[in-house]
Amino acid sequence: MYTNELHNAFLGKDDPGFWKCWRSKFQPANKSVEVDGCVNPDIIVDKFATYFSTCYSRNSTNQKDILKDEFTKLRDHYFGFPSSDISFDTELVSKIILELKRGKAGDM
C-alpha cells in the first residue's frame, strides 16, 4: 500500500539512501540461503569447512623430494644472484604476508 508517508520517505533521499529505504520497505529482510540443496546454516558451515580443508593440504615427503629435484634441475641453468646468500626468517615471512592485499587470489 502506497501512502503519503512512504512517498515522503522516498522523496528526500539521495540514490544510496533511496535504495536502502526501498529495500527496507519492499524486500524481505530474511532471505534463506541454499548451498548444495541444504538450508541449515550448521550443515552449510560444515560443507564449506570440508571443501576448503581438502583444497589446501601440505605436500607429502615424496612430493617434497620431487619438487626439490625439479627446482635443483631448473637452478642448474640459472645465471643471476645466488640464492644461498639470501636468508629467510619468520619475521621476514610474517612481514611479507601482512603486506599482502586482502581479497586477492594467488597466481598459479
PDB file of N, CA and C in Angstrom:
ATOM      1  N   MET A   1       0.845  -1.172   0.000  1.00  0.00           N
ATOM      2  CA  MET A   1       0.000   0.000   0.000  1.00  0.00           C
ATOM      3  C   MET A   1       0.892   1.236   0.000  1.00  0.00           C
ATOM      4  N   TYR A   2       0.597   2.133  -0.916  1.00  0.00           N
ATOM      5  CA  TYR A   2       1.383   3.355  -1.019  1.00  0.00           C
ATOM      6  C   TYR A   2       0.689   4.458  -0.241  1.00  0.00           C
ATOM      7  N   THR A   3       1.455   5.193   0.530  1.00  0.00           N
ATOM      8  CA  THR A   3       0.895   6.274   1.337  1.00  0.00           C
ATOM      9  C   THR A   3       1.734   7.530   1.139  1.00  0.00           C
ATOM     10  N   ASN A   4       1.201   8.659   1.632  1.00  0.00           N
ATOM     11  CA  ASN A   4       1.955   9.904   1.575  1.00  0.00           C
ATOM     12  C   ASN A   4       3.244   9.793   2.402  1.00  0.00           C
ATOM     13  N   GLU A   5       3.186   9.057   3.494  1.00  0.00           N
ATOM     14  CA  GLU A   5       4.361   8.868   4.340  1.00  0.00           C
ATOM     15  C   GLU A   5       5.467   8.141   3.568  1.00  0.00           C
ATOM     16  N   LEU A   6       5.069   7.114   2.819  1.00  0.00           N
ATOM     17  CA  LEU A   6       6.030   6.381   2.011  1.00  0.00           C
ATOM     18  C   LEU A   6       6.587   7.276   0.914  1.00  0.00           C
ATOM     19  N   HIS A   7       5.725   8.033   0.267  1.00  0.00           N
ATOM     20  CA  HIS A   7       6.147   8.955  -0.790  1.00  0.00           C
ATOM     21  C   HIS A   7       7.154   9.967  -0.247  1.00  0.00           C
ATOM     22  N   ASN A   8       6.878  10.512   0.918  1.00  0.00           N
ATOM     23  CA  ASN A   8       7.773  11.492   1.529  1.00  0.00           C
ATOM     24  C   ASN A   8       9.102  10.851   1.947  1.00  0.00           C
ATOM     25  N   ALA A   9       9.060   9.614   2.375  1.00  0.00           N
ATOM     26  CA  ALA A   9      10.282   8.921   2.762  1.00  0.00           C
ATOM     27  C   ALA A   9      11.206   8.751   1.560  1.00  0.00           C
ATOM     28  N   PHE A  10      10.636   8.480   0.385  1.00  0.00           N
ATOM     29  CA  PHE A  10      11.437   8.305  -0.824  1.00  0.00           C
ATOM     30  C   PHE A  10      11.876   9.637  -1.427  1.00  0.00           C
ATOM     31  N   LEU A  11      11.064  10.660  -1.276  1.00  0.00           N
ATOM     32  CA  LEU A  11      11.267  11.932  -1.959  1.00  0.00           C
ATOM     33  C   LEU A  11      12.584  12.618  -1.584  1.00  0.00           C
ATOM     34  N   GLY A  12      12.942  12.614  -0.327  1.00  0.00           N
ATOM     35  CA  GLY A  12      14.110  13.364   0.108  1.00  0.00           C
ATOM     36  C   GLY A  12      15.414  12.582   0.128  1.00  0.00           C
ATOM     37  N   LYS A  13      15.446  11.430  -0.473  1.00  0.00           N
ATOM     38  CA  LYS A  13      16.638  10.564  -0.400  1.00  0.00           C
ATOM     39  C   LYS A  13      17.565  10.770  -1.596  1.00  0.00           C
ATOM     40  N   ASP A  14      18.882  10.620  -1.342  1.00  0.00           N
ATOM     41  CA  ASP A  14      19.836  10.533  -2.437  1.00  0.00           C
ATOM     42  C   ASP A  14      19.784   9.099  -2.969  1.00  0.00           C
ATOM     43  N   ASP A  15      20.552   8.796  -4.005  1.00  0.00           N
ATOM     44  CA  ASP A  15      20.472   7.472  -4.629  1.00  0.00           C
ATOM     45  C   ASP A  15      20.688   6.323  -3.650  1.00  0.00           C
ATOM     46  N   PRO A  16      21.814   6.300  -2.900  1.00  0.00           N
ATOM     47  CA  PRO A  16      22.000   5.170  -1.977  1.00  0.00           C
ATOM     48  C   PRO A  16      20.928   5.121  -0.885  1.00  0.00           C
ATOM     49  N   GLY A  17      20.538   6.285  -0.393  1.00  0.00           N
ATOM     50  CA  GLY A  17      19.504   6.339   0.644  1.00  0.00           C
ATOM     51  C   GLY A  17      18.151   5.865   0.128  1.00  0.00           C
ATOM     52  N   PHE A  18      17.839   6.210  -1.134  1.00  0.00           N
ATOM     53  CA  PHE A  18      16.580   5.780  -1.745  1.00  0.00           C
ATOM     54  C   PHE A  18      16.509   4.262  -1.801  1.00  0.00           C
ATOM     55  N   TRP A  19      17.604   3.627  -2.315  1.00  0.00           N
ATOM     56  CA  TRP A  19      17.570   2.179  -2.475  1.00  0.00           C
ATOM     57  C   TRP A  19      17.600   1.452  -1.137  1.00  0.00           C
ATOM     58  N   LYS A  20      18.276   2.024  -0.160  1.00  0.00           N
ATOM     59  CA  LYS A  20      18.261   1.428   1.169  1.00  0.00           C
ATOM     60  C   LYS A  20      16.849   1.462   1.746  1.00  0.00           C
ATOM     61  N   CYS A  21      16.169   2.577   1.580  1.00  0.00           N
ATOM     62  CA  CYS A  21      14.786   2.705   2.052  1.00  0.00           C
ATOM     63  C   CYS A  21      13.861   1.769   1.273  1.00  0.00           C
ATOM     64  N   TRP A  22      14.044   1.690  -0.040  1.00  0.00           N
ATOM     65  CA  TRP A  22      13.228   0.822  -0.895  1.00  0.00           C
ATOM     66  C   TRP A  22      13.340  -0.642  -0.444  1.00  0.00           C
ATOM     67  N   ARG A  23      14.592  -1.076  -0.226  1.00  0.00           N
ATOM     68  CA  ARG A  23      14.793  -2.461   0.209  1.00  0.00           C
ATOM     69  C   ARG A  23      14.171  -2.723   1.581  1.00  0.00           C
ATOM     70  N   SER A  24      14.249  -1.745   2.463  1.00  0.00           N
ATOM     71  CA  SER A  24      13.683  -1.943   3.803  1.00  0.00           C
ATOM     72  C   SER A  24      12.161  -2.051   3.752  1.00  0.00           C
ATOM     73  N   LYS A  25      11.541  -1.430   2.764  1.00  0.00           N
ATOM     74  CA  LYS A  25      10.068  -1.444   2.667  1.00  0.00           C
ATOM     75  C   LYS A  25       9.544  -2.617   1.840  1.00  0.00           C
ATOM     76  N   PHE A  26      10.271  -3.005   0.788  1.00  0.00           N
ATOM     77  CA  PHE A  26       9.707  -3.949  -0.178  1.00  0.00           C
ATOM     78  C   PHE A  26      10.430  -5.284  -0.309  1.00  0.00           C
ATOM     79  N   GLN A  27      11.643  -5.411   0.210  1.00  0.00           N
ATOM     80  CA  GLN A  27      12.345  -6.677   0.102  1.00  0.00           C
ATOM     81  C   GLN A  27      12.328  -7.366   1.456  1.00  0.00           C
ATOM     82  N   PRO A  28      12.104  -8.664   1.453  1.00  0.00           N
ATOM     83  CA  PRO A  28      12.083  -9.372   2.737  1.00  0.00           C
ATOM     84  C   PRO A  28      13.462  -9.326   3.402  1.00  0.00           C
ATOM     85  N   ALA A  29      13.455  -9.101   4.692  1.00  0.00           N
ATOM     86  CA  ALA A  29      14.711  -8.987   5.439  1.00  0.00           C
ATOM     87  C   ALA A  29      15.374 -10.350   5.614  1.00  0.00           C
ATOM     88  N   ASN A  30      14.601 -11.386   5.662  1.00  0.00           N
ATOM     89  CA  ASN A  30      15.123 -12.727   5.913  1.00  0.00           C
ATOM     90  C   ASN A  30      15.151 -13.521   4.617  1.00  0.00           C
ATOM     91  N   LYS A  31      16.320 -13.670   4.055  1.00  0.00           N
ATOM     92  CA  LYS A  31      16.449 -14.474   2.834  1.00  0.00           C
ATOM     93  C   LYS A  31      17.034 -15.812   3.219  1.00  0.00           C
ATOM     94  N   SER A  32      16.444 -16.861   2.733  1.00  0.00           N
ATOM     95  CA  SER A  32      17.011 -18.178   3.020  1.00  0.00           C
ATOM     96  C   SER A  32      18.121 -18.457   2.001  1.00  0.00           C
ATOM     97  N   VAL A  33      19.172 -19.027   2.480  1.00  0.00           N
ATOM     98  CA  VAL A  33      20.321 -19.340   1.636  1.00  0.00           C
ATOM     99  C   VAL A  33      20.394 -20.851   1.493  1.00  0.00           C
ATOM    100  N   GLU A  34      20.549 -21.279   0.264  1.00  0.00           N
ATOM    101  CA  GLU A  34      20.649 -22.712  -0.002  1.00  0.00           C
ATOM    102  C   GLU A  34      22.007 -23.004  -0.608  1.00  0.00           C
ATOM    103  N   VAL A  35      22.711 -23.951  -0.022  1.00  0.00           N
ATOM    104  CA  VAL A  35      24.005 -24.375  -0.536  1.00  0.00           C
ATOM    105  C   VAL A  35      23.957 -25.887  -0.712  1.00  0.00           C
ATOM    106  N   ASP A  36      24.133 -26.300  -1.956  1.00  0.00           N
ATOM    107  CA  ASP A  36      24.158 -27.730  -2.270  1.00  0.00           C
ATOM    108  C   ASP A  36      22.898 -28.435  -1.762  1.00  0.00           C
ATOM    109  N   GLY A  37      21.758 -27.768  -1.897  1.00  0.00           N
ATOM    110  CA  GLY A  37      20.479 -28.355  -1.514  1.00  0.00           C
ATOM    111  C   GLY A  37      20.171 -28.303  -0.031  1.00  0.00           C
ATOM    112  N   CYS A  38      20.971 -27.591   0.756  1.00  0.00           N
ATOM    113  CA  CYS A  38      20.798 -27.554   2.208  1.00  0.00           C
ATOM    114  C   CYS A  38      20.586 -26.112   2.662  1.00  0.00           C
ATOM    115  N   VAL A  39      19.691 -25.912   3.636  1.00  0.00           N
ATOM    116  CA  VAL A  39      19.429 -24.578   4.169  1.00  0.00           C
ATOM    117  C   VAL A  39      19.825 -24.437   5.642  1.00  0.00           C
ATOM    118  N   ASN A  40      20.227 -25.519   6.273  1.00  0.00           N
ATOM    119  CA  ASN A  40      20.642 -25.473   7.671  1.00  0.00           C
ATOM    120  C   ASN A  40      22.032 -24.836   7.756  1.00  0.00           C
ATOM    121  N   PRO A  41      22.178 -23.680   8.467  1.00  0.00           N
ATOM    122  CA  PRO A  41      23.475 -22.991   8.495  1.00  0.00           C
ATOM    123  C   PRO A  41      24.605 -23.829   9.095  1.00  0.00           C
ATOM    124  N   ASP A  42      24.319 -24.684  10.068  1.00  0.00           N
ATOM    125  CA  ASP A  42      25.365 -25.513  10.667  1.00  0.00           C
ATOM    126  C   ASP A  42      25.912 -26.525   9.660  1.00  0.00           C
ATOM    127  N   ILE A  43      25.025 -27.109   8.888  1.00  0.00           N
ATOM    128  CA  ILE A  43      25.449 -28.083   7.874  1.00  0.00           C
ATOM    129  C   ILE A  43      26.206 -27.374   6.749  1.00  0.00           C
ATOM    130  N   ILE A  44      25.754 -26.163   6.386  1.00  0.00           N
ATOM    131  CA  ILE A  44      26.426 -25.387   5.338  1.00  0.00           C
ATOM    132  C   ILE A  44      27.858 -25.051   5.768  1.00  0.00           C
ATOM    133  N   VAL A  45      28.028 -24.645   7.018  1.00  0.00           N
ATOM    134  CA  VAL A  45      29.368 -24.341   7.531  1.00  0.00           C
ATOM    135  C   VAL A  45      30.256 -25.572   7.461  1.00  0.00           C
ATOM    136  N   ASP A  46      29.721 -26.724   7.842  1.00  0.00           N
ATOM    137  CA  ASP A  46      30.500 -27.970   7.770  1.00  0.00           C
ATOM    138  C   ASP A  46      30.890 -28.308   6.336  1.00  0.00           C
ATOM    139  N   LYS A  47      29.971 -28.063   5.385  1.00  0.00           N
ATOM    140  CA  LYS A  47      30.274 -28.338   3.980  1.00  0.00           C
ATOM    141  C   LYS A  47      31.409 -27.441   3.486  1.00  0.00           C
ATOM    142  N   PHE A  48      31.371 -26.145   3.855  1.00  0.00           N
ATOM    143  CA  PHE A  48      32.443 -25.239   3.468  1.00  0.00           C
ATOM    144  C   PHE A  48      33.771 -25.676   4.099  1.00  0.00           C
ATOM    145  N   ALA A  49      33.743 -26.015   5.373  1.00  0.00           N
ATOM    146  CA  ALA A  49      34.968 -26.429   6.074  1.00  0.00           C
ATOM    147  C   ALA A  49      35.554 -27.679   5.432  1.00  0.00           C
ATOM    148  N   THR A  50      34.719 -28.639   5.110  1.00  0.00           N
ATOM    149  CA  THR A  50      35.189 -29.874   4.481  1.00  0.00           C
ATOM    150  C   THR A  50      35.785 -29.588   3.109  1.00  0.00           C
ATOM    151  N   TYR A  51      35.089 -28.770   2.324  1.00  0.00           N
ATOM    152  CA  TYR A  51      35.566 -28.455   0.978  1.00  0.00           C
ATOM    153  C   TYR A  51      36.923 -27.764   1.021  1.00  0.00           C
ATOM    154  N   PHE A  52      37.046 -26.694   1.824  1.00  0.00           N
ATOM    155  CA  PHE A  52      38.279 -25.924   1.825  1.00  0.00           C
ATOM    156  C   PHE A  52      39.419 -26.653   2.531  1.00  0.00           C
ATOM    157  N   SER A  53      39.122 -27.553   3.451  1.00  0.00           N
ATOM    158  CA  SER A  53      40.206 -28.313   4.076  1.00  0.00           C
ATOM    159  C   SER A  53      40.818 -29.304   3.091  1.00  0.00           C
ATOM    160  N   THR A  54      40.045 -29.762   2.115  1.00  0.00           N
ATOM    161  CA  THR A  54      40.608 -30.670   1.109  1.00  0.00           C
ATOM    162  C   THR A  54      41.362 -29.911   0.021  1.00  0.00           C
ATOM    163  N   CYS A  55      41.070 -28.624  -0.152  1.00  0.00           N
ATOM    164  CA  CYS A  55      41.748 -27.832  -1.187  1.00  0.00           C
ATOM    165  C   CYS A  55      43.183 -27.505  -0.804  1.00  0.00           C
ATOM    166  N   TYR A  56      43.410 -27.292   0.461  1.00  0.00           N
ATOM    167  CA  TYR A  56      44.721 -26.846   0.916  1.00  0.00           C
ATOM    168  C   TYR A  56      45.308 -27.861   1.885  1.00  0.00           C
ATOM    169  N   SER A  57      46.099 -28.738   1.354  1.00  0.00           N
ATOM    170  CA  SER A  57      46.771 -29.713   2.202  1.00  0.00           C
ATOM    171  C   SER A  57      48.267 -29.673   1.896  1.00  0.00           C
ATOM    172  N   ARG A  58      49.082 -29.997   2.866  1.00  0.00           N
ATOM    173  CA  ARG A  58      50.524 -29.941   2.670  1.00  0.00           C
ATOM    174  C   ARG A  58      50.980 -31.105   1.788  1.00  0.00           C
ATOM    175  N   ASN A  59      52.154 -30.926   1.219  1.00  0.00           N
ATOM    176  CA  ASN A  59      52.720 -31.955   0.362  1.00  0.00           C
ATOM    177  C   ASN A  59      53.235 -33.122   1.189  1.00  0.00           C
ATOM    178  N   SER A  60      53.253 -34.276   0.594  1.00  0.00           N
ATOM    179  CA  SER A  60      53.832 -35.448   1.241  1.00  0.00           C
ATOM    180  C   SER A  60      55.357 -35.358   1.166  1.00  0.00           C
ATOM    181  N   THR A  61      56.033 -36.199   1.903  1.00  0.00           N
ATOM    182  CA  THR A  61      57.503 -36.238   1.866  1.00  0.00           C
ATOM    183  C   THR A  61      57.984 -36.569   0.463  1.00  0.00           C
ATOM    184  N   ASN A  62      57.310 -37.490  -0.180  1.00  0.00           N
ATOM    185  CA  ASN A  62      57.665 -37.865  -1.546  1.00  0.00           C
ATOM    186  C   ASN A  62      57.518 -36.665  -2.486  1.00  0.00           C
ATOM    187  N   GLN A  63      56.417 -35.928  -2.360  1.00  0.00           N
ATOM    188  CA  GLN A  63      56.174 -34.761  -3.205  1.00  0.00           C
ATOM    189  C   GLN A  63      57.233 -33.688  -2.936  1.00  0.00           C
ATOM    190  N   LYS A  64      57.650 -33.540  -1.683  1.00  0.00           N
ATOM    191  CA  LYS A  64      58.696 -32.570  -1.331  1.00  0.00           C
ATOM    192  C   LYS A  64      59.980 -32.888  -2.082  1.00  0.00           C
ATOM    193  N   ASP A  65      60.356 -34.162  -2.105  1.00  0.00           N
ATOM    194  CA  ASP A  65      61.579 -34.569  -2.797  1.00  0.00           C
ATOM    195  C   ASP A  65      61.476 -34.338  -4.296  1.00  0.00           C
ATOM    196  N   ILE A  66      60.318 -34.616  -4.870  1.00  0.00           N
ATOM    197  CA  ILE A  66      60.108 -34.397  -6.306  1.00  0.00           C
ATOM    198  C   ILE A  66      60.245 -32.913  -6.645  1.00  0.00           C
ATOM    199  N   LEU A  67      59.608 -32.046  -5.828  1.00  0.00           N
ATOM    200  CA  LEU A  67      59.683 -30.608  -6.068  1.00  0.00           C
ATOM    201  C   LEU A  67      61.103 -30.071  -5.879  1.00  0.00           C
ATOM    202  N   LYS A  68      61.821 -30.598  -4.893  1.00  0.00           N
ATOM    203  CA  LYS A  68      63.201 -30.169  -4.662  1.00  0.00           C
ATOM    204  C   LYS A  68      64.084 -30.544  -5.849  1.00  0.00           C
ATOM    205  N   ASP A  69      63.920 -31.762  -6.374  1.00  0.00           N
ATOM    206  CA  ASP A  69      64.690 -32.196  -7.544  1.00  0.00           C
ATOM    207  C   ASP A  69      64.369 -31.332  -8.763  1.00  0.00           C
ATOM    208  N   GLU A  70      63.095 -31.025  -8.938  1.00  0.00           N
ATOM    209  CA  GLU A  70      62.681 -30.185 -10.062  1.00  0.00           C
ATOM    210  C   GLU A  70      63.309 -28.796  -9.947  1.00  0.00           C
ATOM    211  N   PHE A  71      63.306 -28.229  -8.742  1.00  0.00           N
ATOM    212  CA  PHE A  71      63.908 -26.916  -8.515  1.00  0.00           C
ATOM    213  C   PHE A  71      65.410 -26.955  -8.788  1.00  0.00           C
ATOM    214  N   THR A  72      66.069 -27.999  -8.307  1.00  0.00           N
ATOM    215  CA  THR A  72      67.519 -28.126  -8.487  1.00  0.00           C
ATOM    216  C   THR A  72      67.870 -28.206  -9.970  1.00  0.00           C
ATOM    217  N   LYS A  73      67.096 -28.945 -10.750  1.00  0.00           N
ATOM    218  CA  LYS A  73      67.350 -29.058 -12.193  1.00  0.00           C
ATOM    219  C   LYS A  73      67.195 -27.706 -12.871  1.00  0.00           C
ATOM    220  N   LEU A  74      66.170 -26.941 -12.474  1.00  0.00           N
ATOM    221  CA  LEU A  74      65.969 -25.618 -13.060  1.00  0.00           C
ATOM    222  C   LEU A  74      67.077 -24.652 -12.627  1.00  0.00           C
ATOM    223  N   ARG A  75      67.544 -24.800 -11.412  1.00  0.00           N
ATOM    224  CA  ARG A  75      68.557 -23.915 -10.840  1.00  0.00           C
ATOM    225  C   ARG A  75      69.927 -24.110 -11.496  1.00  0.00           C
ATOM    226  N   ASP A  76      70.199 -25.295 -12.044  1.00  0.00           N
ATOM    227  CA  ASP A  76      71.499 -25.581 -12.665  1.00  0.00           C
ATOM    228  C   ASP A  76      71.803 -24.623 -13.824  1.00  0.00           C
ATOM    229  N   HIS A  77      70.786 -24.174 -14.526  1.00  0.00           N
ATOM    230  CA  HIS A  77      70.971 -23.330 -15.708  1.00  0.00           C
ATOM    231  C   HIS A  77      70.640 -21.871 -15.442  1.00  0.00           C
ATOM    232  N   TYR A  78      70.545 -21.490 -14.185  1.00  0.00           N
ATOM    233  CA  TYR A  78      70.182 -20.113 -13.838  1.00  0.00           C
ATOM    234  C   TYR A  78      71.432 -19.267 -13.656  1.00  0.00           C
ATOM    235  N   PHE A  79      71.430 -18.069 -14.233  1.00  0.00           N
ATOM    236  CA  PHE A  79      72.524 -17.116 -14.048  1.00  0.00           C
ATOM    237  C   PHE A  79      71.942 -15.869 -13.416  1.00  0.00           C
ATOM    238  N   GLY A  80      72.442 -15.504 -12.265  1.00  0.00           N
ATOM    239  CA  GLY A  80      71.954 -14.337 -11.540  1.00  0.00           C
ATOM    240  C   GLY A  80      72.491 -14.373 -10.128  1.00  0.00           C
ATOM    241  N   PHE A  81      71.812 -13.678  -9.252  1.00  0.00           N
ATOM    242  CA  PHE A  81      72.252 -13.670  -7.858  1.00  0.00           C
ATOM    243  C   PHE A  81      72.115 -15.064  -7.258  1.00  0.00           C
ATOM    244  N   PRO A  82      73.119 -15.517  -6.550  1.00  0.00           N
ATOM    245  CA  PRO A  82      72.998 -16.839  -5.912  1.00  0.00           C
ATOM    246  C   PRO A  82      71.981 -16.805  -4.780  1.00  0.00           C
ATOM    247  N   SER A  83      71.141 -17.816  -4.718  1.00  0.00           N
ATOM    248  CA  SER A  83      70.098 -17.840  -3.700  1.00  0.00           C
ATOM    249  C   SER A  83      70.634 -18.195  -2.329  1.00  0.00           C
ATOM    250  N   SER A  84      71.857 -18.713  -2.260  1.00  0.00           N
ATOM    251  CA  SER A  84      72.398 -19.117  -0.962  1.00  0.00           C
ATOM    252  C   SER A  84      72.751 -17.918  -0.085  1.00  0.00           C
ATOM    253  N   ASP A  85      72.906 -16.725  -0.693  1.00  0.00           N
ATOM    254  CA  ASP A  85      73.231 -15.526   0.080  1.00  0.00           C
ATOM    255  C   ASP A  85      72.000 -14.903   0.722  1.00  0.00           C
ATOM    256  N   ILE A  86      70.817 -15.330   0.326  1.00  0.00           N
ATOM    257  CA  ILE A  86      69.579 -14.747   0.838  1.00  0.00           C
ATOM    258  C   ILE A  86      69.093 -15.602   1.999  1.00  0.00           C
ATOM    259  N   SER A  87      68.813 -14.954   3.116  1.00  0.00           N
ATOM    260  CA  SER A  87      68.309 -15.715   4.257  1.00  0.00           C
ATOM    261  C   SER A  87      66.866 -15.330   4.546  1.00  0.00           C
ATOM    262  N   PHE A  88      66.083 -16.304   4.899  1.00  0.00           N
ATOM    263  CA  PHE A  88      64.682 -16.109   5.245  1.00  0.00           C
ATOM    264  C   PHE A  88      64.513 -16.440   6.716  1.00  0.00           C
ATOM    265  N   ASP A  89      63.754 -15.621   7.406  1.00  0.00           N
ATOM    266  CA  ASP A  89      63.409 -15.940   8.781  1.00  0.00           C
ATOM    267  C   ASP A  89      61.917 -15.682   8.984  1.00  0.00           C
ATOM    268  N   THR A  90      61.410 -16.053  10.130  1.00  0.00           N
ATOM    269  CA  THR A  90      59.964 -15.933  10.370  1.00  0.00           C
ATOM    270  C   THR A  90      59.500 -14.486  10.358  1.00  0.00           C
ATOM    271  N   GLU A  91      60.355 -13.564  10.789  1.00  0.00           N
ATOM    272  CA  GLU A  91      59.972 -12.156  10.800  1.00  0.00           C
ATOM    273  C   GLU A  91      59.800 -11.619   9.387  1.00  0.00           C
ATOM    274  N   LEU A  92      60.711 -11.988   8.484  1.00  0.00           N
ATOM    275  CA  LEU A  92      60.617 -11.552   7.093  1.00  0.00           C
ATOM    276  C   LEU A  92      59.360 -12.122   6.441  1.00  0.00           C
ATOM    277  N   VAL A  93      59.115 -13.409   6.623  1.00  0.00           N
ATOM    278  CA  VAL A  93      57.930 -14.050   6.032  1.00  0.00           C
ATOM    279  C   VAL A  93      56.659 -13.425   6.598  1.00  0.00           C
ATOM    280  N   SER A  94      56.617 -13.202   7.904  1.00  0.00           N
ATOM    281  CA  SER A  94      55.454 -12.593   8.544  1.00  0.00           C
ATOM    282  C   SER A  94      55.209 -11.193   7.994  1.00  0.00           C
ATOM    283  N   LYS A  95      56.260 -10.404   7.839  1.00  0.00           N
ATOM    284  CA  LYS A  95      56.132  -9.038   7.309  1.00  0.00           C
ATOM    285  C   LYS A  95      55.556  -9.059   5.892  1.00  0.00           C
ATOM    286  N   ILE A  96      56.066  -9.957   5.074  1.00  0.00           N
ATOM    287  CA  ILE A  96      55.596 -10.042   3.684  1.00  0.00           C
ATOM    288  C   ILE A  96      54.135 -10.482   3.629  1.00  0.00           C
ATOM    289  N   ILE A  97      53.765 -11.448   4.455  1.00  0.00           N
ATOM    290  CA  ILE A  97      52.382 -11.922   4.473  1.00  0.00           C
ATOM    291  C   ILE A  97      51.434 -10.810   4.923  1.00  0.00           C
ATOM    292  N   LEU A  98      51.828 -10.053   5.923  1.00  0.00           N
ATOM    293  CA  LEU A  98      50.979  -8.969   6.420  1.00  0.00           C
ATOM    294  C   LEU A  98      50.808  -7.850   5.401  1.00  0.00           C
ATOM    295  N   GLU A  99      51.768  -7.720   4.474  1.00  0.00           N
ATOM    296  CA  GLU A  99      51.672  -6.679   3.455  1.00  0.00           C
ATOM    297  C   GLU A  99      50.885  -7.125   2.221  1.00  0.00           C
ATOM    298  N   LEU A 100      50.492  -8.386   2.158  1.00  0.00           N
ATOM    299  CA  LEU A 100      49.694  -8.859   1.023  1.00  0.00           C
ATOM    300  C   LEU A 100      48.330  -8.201   1.056  1.00  0.00           C
ATOM    301  N   LYS A 101      47.811  -7.887  -0.114  1.00  0.00           N
ATOM    302  CA  LYS A 101      46.485  -7.272  -0.209  1.00  0.00           C
ATOM    303  C   LYS A 101      45.409  -8.315   0.048  1.00  0.00           C
ATOM    304  N   ARG A 102      44.431  -7.947   0.828  1.00  0.00           N
ATOM    305  CA  ARG A 102      43.333  -8.867   1.153  1.00  0.00           C
ATOM    306  C   ARG A 102      42.381  -8.962  -0.036  1.00  0.00           C
ATOM    307  N   GLY A 103      41.755 -10.138  -0.172  1.00  0.00           N
ATOM    308  CA  GLY A 103      40.760 -10.325  -1.225  1.00  0.00           C
ATOM    309  C   GLY A 103      41.350 -10.621  -2.591  1.00  0.00           C
ATOM    310  N   LYS A 104      42.645 -10.866  -2.662  1.00  0.00           N
ATOM    311  CA  LYS A 104      43.281 -11.167  -3.945  1.00  0.00           C
ATOM    312  C   LYS A 104      43.662 -12.635  -3.973  1.00  0.00           C
ATOM    313  N   ALA A 105      43.490 -13.257  -5.123  1.00  0.00           N
ATOM    314  CA  ALA A 105      43.849 -14.661  -5.294  1.00  0.00           C
ATOM    315  C   ALA A 105      45.310 -14.775  -5.675  1.00  0.00           C
ATOM    316  N   GLY A 106      45.943 -15.831  -5.224  1.00  0.00           N
ATOM    317  CA  GLY A 106      47.338 -16.088  -5.585  1.00  0.00           C
ATOM    318  C   GLY A 106      47.431 -16.549  -7.026  1.00  0.00           C
ATOM    319  N   ASP A 107      48.474 -16.121  -7.721  1.00  0.00           N
ATOM    320  CA  ASP A 107      48.678 -16.552  -9.114  1.00  0.00           C
ATOM    321  C   ASP A 107      49.212 -17.966  -9.145  1.00  0.00           C
ATOM    322  N   MET A 108      48.885 -18.664 -10.173  1.00  0.00           N
ATOM    323  CA  MET A 108      49.380 -20.014 -10.380  1.00  0.00           C
ATOM    324  C   MET A 108      50.535 -19.967 -11.324  1.00  0.00           C
TER     325      MET A 108
END
